[in-house]
Amino acid sequence: MRTLEDERHRQTQAFEQRRTDLARDVAEAQSRWDACRRTAEKDLDAAAVAYRKAGGTD
């Protein structure tokens, strides 16, 4: 049978692991978001150049 201290220790470890996992997930999501944003900016810039070359005006 677990003592109260053992249970508290187990829950603390589980909490710390979950917090670590969430921090990693947030960092990965931020990295993916940044990559998508950079790609979108490049695509938008390329579309603007193509539009101007085709005689479009701003």
C-alpha atoms as a PDB file:
ATOM      1  CA  MET A   1       0.000   0.000   0.000  1.00  0.00           C
ATOM      2  CA  ARG A   2       1.300   3.425  -0.926  1.00  0.00           C
ATOM      3  CA  THR A   3       1.841   5.984   1.709  1.00  0.00           C
ATOM      4  CA  LEU A   4       0.653   9.531   1.281  1.00  0.00           C
ATOM      5  CA  GLU A   5       4.229  10.651   0.664  1.00  0.00           C
ATOM      6  CA  ASP A   6       4.733   7.983  -2.023  1.00  0.00           C
ATOM      7  CA  GLU A   7       1.526   9.032  -3.735  1.00  0.00           C
ATOM      8  CA  ARG A   8       2.474  12.704  -3.603  1.00  0.00           C
ATOM      9  CA  HIS A   9       5.874  11.878  -5.089  1.00  0.00           C
ATOM     10  CA  ARG A  10       4.264   9.833  -7.873  1.00  0.00           C
ATOM     11  CA  GLN A  11       1.827  12.622  -8.707  1.00  0.00           C
ATOM     12  CA  THR A  12       4.599  15.215  -8.679  1.00  0.00           C
ATOM     13  CA  GLN A  13       6.658  13.120 -11.086  1.00  0.00           C
ATOM     14  CA  ALA A  14       3.641  12.644 -13.366  1.00  0.00           C
ATOM     15  CA  PHE A  15       2.936  16.377 -13.286  1.00  0.00           C
ATOM     16  CA  GLU A  16       6.557  17.260 -14.101  1.00  0.00           C
ATOM     17  CA  GLN A  17       6.603  14.778 -16.980  1.00  0.00           C
ATOM     18  CA  ARG A  18       3.374  16.197 -18.380  1.00  0.00           C
ATOM     19  CA  ARG A  19       4.707  19.735 -18.078  1.00  0.00           C
ATOM     20  CA  THR A  20       7.891  18.712 -19.908  1.00  0.00           C
ATOM     21  CA  ASP A  21       5.846  17.014 -22.638  1.00  0.00           C
ATOM     22  CA  LEU A  22       3.632  20.070 -23.060  1.00  0.00           C
ATOM     23  CA  ALA A  23       6.621  22.409 -23.267  1.00  0.00           C
ATOM     24  CA  ARG A  24       8.103  20.208 -26.005  1.00  0.00           C
ATOM     25  CA  ASP A  25       4.773  20.147 -27.863  1.00  0.00           C
ATOM     26  CA  VAL A  26       4.502  23.938 -27.678  1.00  0.00           C
ATOM     27  CA  ALA A  27       8.045  24.365 -28.993  1.00  0.00           C
ATOM     28  CA  GLU A  28       7.332  21.988 -31.895  1.00  0.00           C
ATOM     29  CA  ALA A  29       4.071  23.763 -32.740  1.00  0.00           C
ATOM     30  CA  GLN A  30       5.808  27.154 -32.653  1.00  0.00           C
ATOM     31  CA  SER A  31       8.495  25.857 -34.979  1.00  0.00           C
ATOM     32  CA  ARG A  32       5.908  24.526 -37.436  1.00  0.00           C
ATOM     33  CA  TRP A  33       3.960  27.791 -37.248  1.00  0.00           C
ATOM     34  CA  ASP A  34       7.110  29.820 -37.957  1.00  0.00           C
ATOM     35  CA  ALA A  35       7.965  27.624 -40.945  1.00  0.00           C
ATOM     36  CA  CYS A  36       4.437  27.987 -42.347  1.00  0.00           C
ATOM     37  CA  ARG A  37       4.535  31.749 -41.849  1.00  0.00           C
ATOM     38  CA  ARG A  38       7.885  32.049 -43.648  1.00  0.00           C
ATOM     39  CA  THR A  39       6.571  29.951 -46.538  1.00  0.00           C
ATOM     40  CA  ALA A  40       3.410  32.053 -46.778  1.00  0.00           C
ATOM     41  CA  GLU A  41       5.442  35.267 -46.775  1.00  0.00           C
ATOM     42  CA  LYS A  42       7.659  33.952 -49.581  1.00  0.00           C
ATOM     43  CA  ASP A  43       4.618  32.823 -51.590  1.00  0.00           C
ATOM     44  CA  LEU A  44       2.949  36.205 -51.131  1.00  0.00           C
ATOM     45  CA  ASP A  45       6.093  38.052 -52.180  1.00  0.00           C
ATOM     46  CA  ALA A  46       6.442  35.830 -55.266  1.00  0.00           C
ATOM     47  CA  ALA A  47       2.783  36.420 -56.179  1.00  0.00           C
ATOM     48  CA  ALA A  48       3.234  40.184 -55.842  1.00  0.00           C
ATOM     49  CA  VAL A  49       6.288  40.119 -58.111  1.00  0.00           C
ATOM     50  CA  ALA A  50       4.436  38.019 -60.693  1.00  0.00           C
ATOM     51  CA  TYR A  51       1.452  40.365 -60.529  1.00  0.00           C
ATOM     52  CA  ARG A  52       3.635  43.422 -61.121  1.00  0.00           C
ATOM     53  CA  LYS A  53       5.491  41.708 -63.976  1.00  0.00           C
ATOM     54  CA  ALA A  54       2.130  40.940 -65.580  1.00  0.00           C
ATOM     55  CA  GLY A  55       1.318  44.664 -65.567  1.00  0.00           C
ATOM     56  CA  GLY A  56      -0.652  44.819 -62.342  1.00  0.00           C
ATOM     57  CA  THR A  57      -0.551  47.869 -60.144  1.00  0.00           C
ATOM     58  CA  ASP A  58      -0.626  48.175 -56.386  1.00  0.00           C
END
